[in-house]
PDB file of N, CA and C in Angstrom:
ATOM      1  N   MET A   1      91.575  68.855 136.216  1.00  0.00           N
ATOM      2  CA  MET A   1      92.446  67.707 136.115  1.00  0.00           C
ATOM      3  C   MET A   1      93.051  67.572 134.712  1.00  0.00           C
ATOM      4  N   ARG A   2      92.226  67.818 133.685  1.00  0.00           N
ATOM      5  CA  ARG A   2      92.742  67.747 132.311  1.00  0.00           C
ATOM      6  C   ARG A   2      93.822  68.787 132.075  1.00  0.00           C
ATOM      7  N   ARG A   3      93.606  69.964 132.634  1.00  0.00           N
ATOM      8  CA  ARG A   3      94.594  71.043 132.471  1.00  0.00           C
ATOM      9  C   ARG A   3      95.920  70.647 133.125  1.00  0.00           C
ATOM     10  N   LEU A   4      95.867  70.074 134.295  1.00  0.00           N
ATOM     11  CA  LEU A   4      97.068  69.626 134.989  1.00  0.00           C
ATOM     12  C   LEU A   4      97.777  68.548 134.182  1.00  0.00           C
ATOM     13  N   LEU A   5      97.024  67.615 133.651  1.00  0.00           N
ATOM     14  CA  LEU A   5      97.594  66.558 132.821  1.00  0.00           C
ATOM     15  C   LEU A   5      98.259  67.139 131.579  1.00  0.00           C
ATOM     16  N   ALA A   6      97.660  68.126 130.947  1.00  0.00           N
ATOM     17  CA  ALA A   6      98.244  68.774 129.765  1.00  0.00           C
ATOM     18  C   ALA A   6      99.552  69.470 130.124  1.00  0.00           C
ATOM     19  N   VAL A   7      99.590  70.136 131.279  1.00  0.00           N
ATOM     20  CA  VAL A   7     100.813  70.818 131.721  1.00  0.00           C
ATOM     21  C   VAL A   7     101.920  69.806 131.980  1.00  0.00           C
ATOM     22  N   VAL A   8     101.592  68.706 132.624  1.00  0.00           N
ATOM     23  CA  VAL A   8     102.579  67.659 132.907  1.00  0.00           C
ATOM     24  C   VAL A   8     103.123  67.073 131.606  1.00  0.00           C
ATOM     25  N   LYS A   9     102.243  66.790 130.650  1.00  0.00           N
ATOM     26  CA  LYS A   9     102.679  66.229 129.365  1.00  0.00           C
ATOM     27  C   LYS A   9     103.611  67.184 128.632  1.00  0.00           C
ATOM     28  N   SER A  10     103.261  68.464 128.593  1.00  0.00           N
ATOM     29  CA  SER A  10     104.113  69.418 127.877  1.00  0.00           C
ATOM     30  C   SER A  10     105.442  69.596 128.593  1.00  0.00           C
ATOM     31  N   THR A  11     105.455  69.554 129.915  1.00  0.00           N
ATOM     32  CA  THR A  11     106.701  69.658 130.672  1.00  0.00           C
ATOM     33  C   THR A  11     107.594  68.460 130.386  1.00  0.00           C
ATOM     34  N   LEU A  12     107.023  67.278 130.379  1.00  0.00           N
ATOM     35  CA  LEU A  12     107.803  66.081 130.069  1.00  0.00           C
ATOM     36  C   LEU A  12     108.351  66.123 128.653  1.00  0.00           C
ATOM     37  N   LEU A  13     107.576  66.605 127.713  1.00  0.00           N
ATOM     38  CA  LEU A  13     108.036  66.725 126.337  1.00  0.00           C
ATOM     39  C   LEU A  13     109.230  67.663 126.254  1.00  0.00           C
ATOM     40  N   ILE A  14     109.161  68.785 126.933  1.00  0.00           N
ATOM     41  CA  ILE A  14     110.277  69.736 126.935  1.00  0.00           C
ATOM     42  C   ILE A  14     111.519  69.093 127.527  1.00  0.00           C
ATOM     43  N   LEU A  15     111.371  68.358 128.614  1.00  0.00           N
ATOM     44  CA  LEU A  15     112.517  67.699 129.237  1.00  0.00           C
ATOM     45  C   LEU A  15     113.136  66.660 128.318  1.00  0.00           C
ATOM     46  N   VAL A  16     112.315  65.880 127.658  1.00  0.00           N
ATOM     47  CA  VAL A  16     112.817  64.845 126.760  1.00  0.00           C
ATOM     48  C   VAL A  16     113.544  65.465 125.577  1.00  0.00           C
ATOM     49  N   VAL A  17     113.018  66.524 125.021  1.00  0.00           N
ATOM     50  CA  VAL A  17     113.637  67.160 123.855  1.00  0.00           C
ATOM     51  C   VAL A  17     114.947  67.841 124.209  1.00  0.00           C
ATOM     52  N   SER A  18     115.077  68.420 125.407  1.00  0.00           N
ATOM     53  CA  SER A  18     116.253  69.207 125.738  1.00  0.00           C
ATOM     54  C   SER A  18     117.391  68.411 126.365  1.00  0.00           C
ATOM     55  N   CYS A  19     117.181  67.151 126.713  1.00  0.00           N
ATOM     56  CA  CYS A  19     118.219  66.354 127.356  1.00  0.00           C
ATOM     57  C   CYS A  19     118.989  65.542 126.329  1.00  0.00           C
ATOM     58  N   ASP A  20     120.298  65.491 126.526  1.00  0.00           N
ATOM     59  CA  ASP A  20     121.144  64.621 125.731  1.00  0.00           C
ATOM     60  C   ASP A  20     120.986  63.217 126.307  1.00  0.00           C
ATOM     61  N   PRO A  21     120.661  62.211 125.483  1.00  0.00           N
ATOM     62  CA  PRO A  21     120.418  60.874 126.022  1.00  0.00           C
ATOM     63  C   PRO A  21     121.607  60.294 126.774  1.00  0.00           C
ATOM     64  N   SER A  22     122.823  60.729 126.448  1.00  0.00           N
ATOM     65  CA  SER A  22     123.992  60.201 127.135  1.00  0.00           C
ATOM     66  C   SER A  22     124.222  60.880 128.469  1.00  0.00           C
ATOM     67  N   GLY A  23     123.522  61.982 128.719  1.00  0.00           N
ATOM     68  CA  GLY A  23     123.714  62.710 129.970  1.00  0.00           C
ATOM     69  C   GLY A  23     124.960  63.570 129.967  1.00  0.00           C
ATOM     70  N   ILE A  24     125.613  63.694 128.834  1.00  0.00           N
ATOM     71  CA  ILE A  24     126.850  64.460 128.734  1.00  0.00           C
ATOM     72  C   ILE A  24     126.543  65.841 128.182  1.00  0.00           C
ATOM     73  N   ILE A  25     127.083  66.851 128.825  1.00  0.00           N
ATOM     74  CA  ILE A  25     126.923  68.213 128.322  1.00  0.00           C
ATOM     75  C   ILE A  25     127.857  68.360 127.125  1.00  0.00           C
ATOM     76  N   THR A  26     127.292  68.740 125.981  1.00  0.00           N
ATOM     77  CA  THR A  26     128.070  68.771 124.752  1.00  0.00           C
ATOM     78  C   THR A  26     128.430  70.176 124.301  1.00  0.00           C
ATOM     79  N   GLU A  27     127.950  71.191 125.004  1.00  0.00           N
ATOM     80  CA  GLU A  27     128.253  72.576 124.635  1.00  0.00           C
ATOM     81  C   GLU A  27     128.470  73.407 125.881  1.00  0.00           C
ATOM     82  N   LEU A  28     129.233  74.456 125.717  1.00  0.00           N
ATOM     83  CA  LEU A  28     129.397  75.445 126.774  1.00  0.00           C
ATOM     84  C   LEU A  28     128.574  76.665 126.416  1.00  0.00           C
ATOM     85  N   PRO A  29     128.056  77.360 127.403  1.00  0.00           N
ATOM     86  CA  PRO A  29     127.372  78.619 127.093  1.00  0.00           C
ATOM     87  C   PRO A  29     128.373  79.577 126.440  1.00  0.00           C
ATOM     88  N   PRO A  30     127.918  80.464 125.564  1.00  0.00           N
ATOM     89  CA  PRO A  30     128.844  81.349 124.840  1.00  0.00           C
ATOM     90  C   PRO A  30     129.847  82.081 125.726  1.00  0.00           C
ATOM     91  N   ARG A  31     129.440  82.553 126.878  1.00  0.00           N
ATOM     92  CA  ARG A  31     130.373  83.284 127.749  1.00  0.00           C
ATOM     93  C   ARG A  31     131.457  82.398 128.348  1.00  0.00           C
ATOM     94  N   ALA A  32     131.200  81.103 128.441  1.00  0.00           N
ATOM     95  CA  ALA A  32     132.166  80.179 129.043  1.00  0.00           C
ATOM     96  C   ALA A  32     133.134  79.597 128.020  1.00  0.00           C
ATOM     97  N   ARG A  33     132.888  79.852 126.745  1.00  0.00           N
ATOM     98  CA  ARG A  33     133.744  79.286 125.700  1.00  0.00           C
ATOM     99  C   ARG A  33     135.050  80.068 125.588  1.00  0.00           C
ATOM    100  N   PRO A  34     136.161  79.337 125.562  1.00  0.00           N
ATOM    101  CA  PRO A  34     137.432  80.041 125.334  1.00  0.00           C
ATOM    102  C   PRO A  34     137.546  80.423 123.863  1.00  0.00           C
ATOM    103  N   LYS A  35     138.377  81.397 123.561  1.00  0.00           N
ATOM    104  CA  LYS A  35     138.602  81.772 122.156  1.00  0.00           C
ATOM    105  C   LYS A  35     139.436  80.707 121.451  1.00  0.00           C
ATOM    106  N   SER A  36     140.346  80.099 122.201  1.00  0.00           N
ATOM    107  CA  SER A  36     141.206  79.073 121.628  1.00  0.00           C
ATOM    108  C   SER A  36     141.623  78.095 122.716  1.00  0.00           C
ATOM    109  N   VAL A  37     142.237  76.997 122.280  1.00  0.00           N
ATOM    110  CA  VAL A  37     142.682  75.935 123.167  1.00  0.00           C
ATOM    111  C   VAL A  37     144.097  75.559 122.758  1.00  0.00           C
ATOM    112  N   MET A  38     144.968  75.360 123.727  1.00  0.00           N
ATOM    113  CA  MET A  38     146.333  74.928 123.433  1.00  0.00           C
ATOM    114  C   MET A  38     146.353  73.401 123.348  1.00  0.00           C
ATOM    115  N   VAL A  39     146.897  72.899 122.225  1.00  0.00           N
ATOM    116  CA  VAL A  39     146.868  71.473 121.913  1.00  0.00           C
ATOM    117  C   VAL A  39     148.299  70.936 121.825  1.00  0.00           C
ATOM    118  N   CYS A  40     148.503  69.772 122.420  1.00  0.00           N
ATOM    119  CA  CYS A  40     149.816  69.119 122.373  1.00  0.00           C
ATOM    120  C   CYS A  40     150.031  68.465 121.013  1.00  0.00           C
ATOM    121  N   HIS A  41     151.216  68.710 120.434  1.00  0.00           N
ATOM    122  CA  HIS A  41     151.624  67.979 119.227  1.00  0.00           C
ATOM    123  C   HIS A  41     152.915  67.251 119.566  1.00  0.00           C
ATOM    124  N   ASN A  42     152.783  65.964 119.819  1.00  0.00           N
ATOM    125  CA  ASN A  42     153.915  65.103 120.127  1.00  0.00           C
ATOM    126  C   ASN A  42     153.486  63.676 119.821  1.00  0.00           C
ATOM    127  N   PRO A  43     153.603  63.274 118.543  1.00  0.00           N
ATOM    128  CA  PRO A  43     153.086  61.962 118.123  1.00  0.00           C
ATOM    129  C   PRO A  43     153.616  60.769 118.921  1.00  0.00           C
ATOM    130  N   SER A  44     154.759  60.906 119.571  1.00  0.00           N
ATOM    131  CA  SER A  44     155.292  59.776 120.332  1.00  0.00           C
ATOM    132  C   SER A  44     154.791  59.756 121.777  1.00  0.00           C
ATOM    133  N   SER A  45     153.921  60.683 122.128  1.00  0.00           N
ATOM    134  CA  SER A  45     153.434  60.783 123.504  1.00  0.00           C
ATOM    135  C   SER A  45     151.950  60.428 123.585  1.00  0.00           C
ATOM    136  N   PRO A  46     151.524  59.867 124.717  1.00  0.00           N
ATOM    137  CA  PRO A  46     150.089  59.639 124.911  1.00  0.00           C
ATOM    138  C   PRO A  46     149.309  60.954 125.032  1.00  0.00           C
ATOM    139  N   GLU A  47     150.002  62.050 125.208  1.00  0.00           N
ATOM    140  CA  GLU A  47     149.365  63.370 125.333  1.00  0.00           C
ATOM    141  C   GLU A  47     149.091  64.027 123.975  1.00  0.00           C
ATOM    142  N   HIS A  48     149.524  63.386 122.898  1.00  0.00           N
ATOM    143  CA  HIS A  48     149.352  63.932 121.542  1.00  0.00           C
ATOM    144  C   HIS A  48     147.882  64.217 121.268  1.00  0.00           C
ATOM    145  N   GLN A  49     147.601  65.401 120.767  1.00  0.00           N
ATOM    146  CA  GLN A  49     146.256  65.872 120.403  1.00  0.00           C
ATOM    147  C   GLN A  49     145.333  65.997 121.617  1.00  0.00           C
ATOM    148  N   LYS A  50     145.919  66.226 122.781  1.00  0.00           N
ATOM    149  CA  LYS A  50     145.141  66.498 123.991  1.00  0.00           C
ATOM    150  C   LYS A  50     145.482  67.913 124.449  1.00  0.00           C
ATOM    151  N   LEU A  51     144.813  68.376 125.497  1.00  0.00           N
ATOM    152  CA  LEU A  51     145.128  69.696 126.026  1.00  0.00           C
ATOM    153  C   LEU A  51     146.596  69.753 126.416  1.00  0.00           C
ATOM    154  N   CYS A  52     147.227  70.850 126.121  1.00  0.00           N
ATOM    155  CA  CYS A  52     148.642  71.018 126.400  1.00  0.00           C
ATOM    156  C   CYS A  52     148.901  70.947 127.906  1.00  0.00           C
ATOM    157  N   SER A  53     149.945  70.230 128.266  1.00  0.00           N
ATOM    158  CA  SER A  53     150.339  70.104 129.673  1.00  0.00           C
ATOM    159  C   SER A  53     151.845  69.847 129.703  1.00  0.00           C
ATOM    160  N   GLU A  54     152.401  69.796 130.897  1.00  0.00           N
ATOM    161  CA  GLU A  54     153.832  69.501 131.037  1.00  0.00           C
ATOM    162  C   GLU A  54     154.173  68.125 130.475  1.00  0.00           C
ATOM    163  N   GLU A  55     153.220  67.194 130.564  1.00  0.00           N
ATOM    164  CA  GLU A  55     153.469  65.839 130.068  1.00  0.00           C
ATOM    165  C   GLU A  55     153.673  65.814 128.551  1.00  0.00           C
ATOM    166  N   CYS A  56     153.220  66.844 127.868  1.00  0.00           N
ATOM    167  CA  CYS A  56     153.422  66.912 126.411  1.00  0.00           C
ATOM    168  C   CYS A  56     154.908  66.993 126.078  1.00  0.00           C
ATOM    169  N   TYR A  57     155.652  67.686 126.926  1.00  0.00           N
ATOM    170  CA  TYR A  57     157.081  67.895 126.695  1.00  0.00           C
ATOM    171  C   TYR A  57     157.886  66.834 127.418  1.00  0.00           C
ATOM    172  N   GLU A  58     158.105  65.715 126.769  1.00  0.00           N
ATOM    173  CA  GLU A  58     158.902  64.646 127.361  1.00  0.00           C
ATOM    174  C   GLU A  58     160.381  64.992 127.227  1.00  0.00           C
ATOM    175  N   VAL A  59     161.194  64.427 128.102  1.00  0.00           N
ATOM    176  CA  VAL A  59     162.637  64.649 128.060  1.00  0.00           C
ATOM    177  C   VAL A  59     163.176  64.189 126.706  1.00  0.00           C
ATOM    178  N   ASN A  60     164.067  64.978 126.142  1.00  0.00           N
ATOM    179  CA  ASN A  60     164.724  64.679 124.858  1.00  0.00           C
ATOM    180  C   ASN A  60     163.775  64.686 123.664  1.00  0.00           C
ATOM    181  N   ARG A  61     162.645  65.361 123.762  1.00  0.00           N
ATOM    182  CA  ARG A  61     161.731  65.458 122.629  1.00  0.00           C
ATOM    183  C   ARG A  61     161.722  66.895 122.141  1.00  0.00           C
ATOM    184  N   VAL A  62     162.597  67.196 121.220  1.00  0.00           N
ATOM    185  CA  VAL A  62     162.714  68.571 120.732  1.00  0.00           C
ATOM    186  C   VAL A  62     161.582  68.947 119.784  1.00  0.00           C
ATOM    187  N   HIS A  63     160.852  67.975 119.290  1.00  0.00           N
ATOM    188  CA  HIS A  63     159.792  68.263 118.326  1.00  0.00           C
ATOM    189  C   HIS A  63     158.413  68.396 118.971  1.00  0.00           C
ATOM    190  N   ALA A  64     158.348  68.327 120.296  1.00  0.00           N
ATOM    191  CA  ALA A  64     157.067  68.483 120.984  1.00  0.00           C
ATOM    192  C   ALA A  64     156.730  69.966 121.063  1.00  0.00           C
ATOM    193  N   VAL A  65     155.528  70.305 120.636  1.00  0.00           N
ATOM    194  CA  VAL A  65     155.075  71.702 120.697  1.00  0.00           C
ATOM    195  C   VAL A  65     153.605  71.731 121.107  1.00  0.00           C
ATOM    196  N   CYS A  66     153.188  72.878 121.594  1.00  0.00           N
ATOM    197  CA  CYS A  66     151.780  73.122 121.825  1.00  0.00           C
ATOM    198  C   CYS A  66     151.351  74.198 120.838  1.00  0.00           C
ATOM    199  N   TRP A  67     150.230  73.996 120.229  1.00  0.00           N
ATOM    200  CA  TRP A  67     149.753  74.948 119.225  1.00  0.00           C
ATOM    201  C   TRP A  67     148.349  75.400 119.599  1.00  0.00           C
ATOM    202  N   GLU A  68     147.973  76.541 119.059  1.00  0.00           N
ATOM    203  CA  GLU A  68     146.695  77.157 119.399  1.00  0.00           C
ATOM    204  C   GLU A  68     145.620  76.770 118.391  1.00  0.00           C
ATOM    205  N   MET A  69     144.582  76.098 118.883  1.00  0.00           N
ATOM    206  CA  MET A  69     143.460  75.700 118.040  1.00  0.00           C
ATOM    207  C   MET A  69     142.267  76.611 118.345  1.00  0.00           C
ATOM    208  N   PRO A  70     141.671  77.218 117.331  1.00  0.00           N
ATOM    209  CA  PRO A  70     140.473  78.026 117.579  1.00  0.00           C
ATOM    210  C   PRO A  70     139.356  77.153 118.145  1.00  0.00           C
ATOM    211  N   TYR A  71     138.664  77.635 119.160  1.00  0.00           N
ATOM    212  CA  TYR A  71     137.599  76.855 119.781  1.00  0.00           C
ATOM    213  C   TYR A  71     136.453  76.591 118.809  1.00  0.00           C
ATOM    214  N   GLU A  72     136.304  77.435 117.793  1.00  0.00           N
ATOM    215  CA  GLU A  72     135.241  77.212 116.797  1.00  0.00           C
ATOM    216  C   GLU A  72     135.361  75.841 116.140  1.00  0.00           C
ATOM    217  N   TRP A  73     136.573  75.295 116.108  1.00  0.00           N
ATOM    218  CA  TRP A  73     136.756  73.978 115.514  1.00  0.00           C
ATOM    219  C   TRP A  73     135.905  72.936 116.233  1.00  0.00           C
ATOM    220  N   CYS A  74     135.610  73.164 117.508  1.00  0.00           N
ATOM    221  CA  CYS A  74     134.779  72.225 118.276  1.00  0.00           C
ATOM    222  C   CYS A  74     133.398  72.079 117.638  1.00  0.00           C
ATOM    223  N   GLU A  75     132.948  73.126 116.996  1.00  0.00           N
ATOM    224  CA  GLU A  75     131.627  73.106 116.373  1.00  0.00           C
ATOM    225  C   GLU A  75     131.691  72.804 114.882  1.00  0.00           C
ATOM    226  N   GLU A  76     132.853  72.992 114.268  1.00  0.00           N
ATOM    227  CA  GLU A  76     132.964  72.870 112.817  1.00  0.00           C
ATOM    228  C   GLU A  76     133.468  71.514 112.336  1.00  0.00           C
ATOM    229  N   PHE A  77     134.249  70.827 113.147  1.00  0.00           N
ATOM    230  CA  PHE A  77     134.869  69.583 112.701  1.00  0.00           C
ATOM    231  C   PHE A  77     134.344  68.400 113.491  1.00  0.00           C
ATOM    232  N   THR A  78     134.388  67.217 112.876  1.00  0.00           N
ATOM    233  CA  THR A  78     133.865  66.021 113.528  1.00  0.00           C
ATOM    234  C   THR A  78     134.932  64.967 113.784  1.00  0.00           C
ATOM    235  N   GLU A  79     136.188  65.302 113.623  1.00  0.00           N
ATOM    236  CA  GLU A  79     137.247  64.328 113.894  1.00  0.00           C
ATOM    237  C   GLU A  79     137.187  63.904 115.351  1.00  0.00           C
ATOM    238  N   ARG A  80     137.433  62.630 115.590  1.00  0.00           N
ATOM    239  CA  ARG A  80     137.325  62.078 116.941  1.00  0.00           C
ATOM    240  C   ARG A  80     138.210  62.818 117.935  1.00  0.00           C
ATOM    241  N   TRP A  81     139.466  63.082 117.562  1.00  0.00           N
ATOM    242  CA  TRP A  81     140.375  63.711 118.517  1.00  0.00           C
ATOM    243  C   TRP A  81     139.911  65.123 118.883  1.00  0.00           C
ATOM    244  N   ILE A  82     139.301  65.830 117.935  1.00  0.00           N
ATOM    245  CA  ILE A  82     138.790  67.172 118.237  1.00  0.00           C
ATOM    246  C   ILE A  82     137.599  67.062 119.179  1.00  0.00           C
ATOM    247  N   ASN A  83     136.719  66.102 118.939  1.00  0.00           N
ATOM    248  CA  ASN A  83     135.574  65.893 119.832  1.00  0.00           C
ATOM    249  C   ASN A  83     136.037  65.569 121.252  1.00  0.00           C
ATOM    250  N   GLU A  84     137.046  64.707 121.378  1.00  0.00           N
ATOM    251  CA  GLU A  84     137.554  64.335 122.695  1.00  0.00           C
ATOM    252  C   GLU A  84     138.224  65.535 123.373  1.00  0.00           C
ATOM    253  N   LEU A  85     138.978  66.295 122.599  1.00  0.00           N
ATOM    254  CA  LEU A  85     139.636  67.488 123.135  1.00  0.00           C
ATOM    255  C   LEU A  85     138.597  68.492 123.638  1.00  0.00           C
ATOM    256  N   CYS A  86     137.582  68.736 122.854  1.00  0.00           N
ATOM    257  CA  CYS A  86     136.545  69.698 123.232  1.00  0.00           C
ATOM    258  C   CYS A  86     135.760  69.216 124.447  1.00  0.00           C
ATOM    259  N   ALA A  87     135.534  67.910 124.534  1.00  0.00           N
ATOM    260  CA  ALA A  87     134.856  67.357 125.712  1.00  0.00           C
ATOM    261  C   ALA A  87     135.701  67.579 126.965  1.00  0.00           C
ATOM    262  N   SER A  88     137.024  67.464 126.841  1.00  0.00           N
ATOM    263  CA  SER A  88     137.872  67.705 128.014  1.00  0.00           C
ATOM    264  C   SER A  88     137.873  69.182 128.404  1.00  0.00           C
ATOM    265  N   VAL A  89     137.772  70.071 127.415  1.00  0.00           N
ATOM    266  CA  VAL A  89     137.650  71.508 127.716  1.00  0.00           C
ATOM    267  C   VAL A  89     136.358  71.775 128.483  1.00  0.00           C
ATOM    268  N   ILE A  90     135.269  71.155 128.043  1.00  0.00           N
ATOM    269  CA  ILE A  90     133.980  71.333 128.706  1.00  0.00           C
ATOM    270  C   ILE A  90     134.055  70.830 130.144  1.00  0.00           C
ATOM    271  N   ARG A  91     134.663  69.650 130.336  1.00  0.00           N
ATOM    272  CA  ARG A  91     134.787  69.119 131.702  1.00  0.00           C
ATOM    273  C   ARG A  91     135.589  70.070 132.583  1.00  0.00           C
ATOM    274  N   GLU A  92     136.686  70.595 132.052  1.00  0.00           N
ATOM    275  CA  GLU A  92     137.521  71.521 132.823  1.00  0.00           C
ATOM    276  C   GLU A  92     136.751  72.789 133.193  1.00  0.00           C
ATOM    277  N   ARG A  93     136.000  73.321 132.261  1.00  0.00           N
ATOM    278  CA  ARG A  93     135.263  74.574 132.489  1.00  0.00           C
ATOM    279  C   ARG A  93     134.104  74.408 133.459  1.00  0.00           C
ATOM    280  N   LEU A  94     133.557  73.191 133.553  1.00  0.00           N
ATOM    281  CA  LEU A  94     132.396  72.970 134.410  1.00  0.00           C
ATOM    282  C   LEU A  94     132.777  72.526 135.829  1.00  0.00           C
ATOM    283  N   ARG A  95     134.057  72.399 136.102  1.00  0.00           N
ATOM    284  CA  ARG A  95     134.487  72.019 137.466  1.00  0.00           C
ATOM    285  C   ARG A  95     134.212  73.101 138.446  1.00  0.00           C
TER     286      ARG A  95
END
C-alpha cells in the first residue's frame, strides 16, 4: 500500500509540474514549428501585427504589406503582439 501511495504521489507531482496552469499550450514541438511567419503591417487595420491574410490588404491601402518574421522571435521576445501572434500560430498548427 505504501508503494502504491508513493507511485501516486510522484505521478501527481509530475502532472502538476508539467501542466501550464492556464491550460494553454505555449510551445510547439520542434518539428511542428515553422521557420518563419508572415505578419501583417497595416497600422490602420485591425489585422496589424497579426498573421497575414487578405484582410490585411484593405482597398486603397498601398502601404499594407506582409513581412516575414523568424519564428525564433516567439521564444526570444516578450512583446505582447509577438506573444499573441505566436499563440495564433500554435492554435493554427494544432487544429
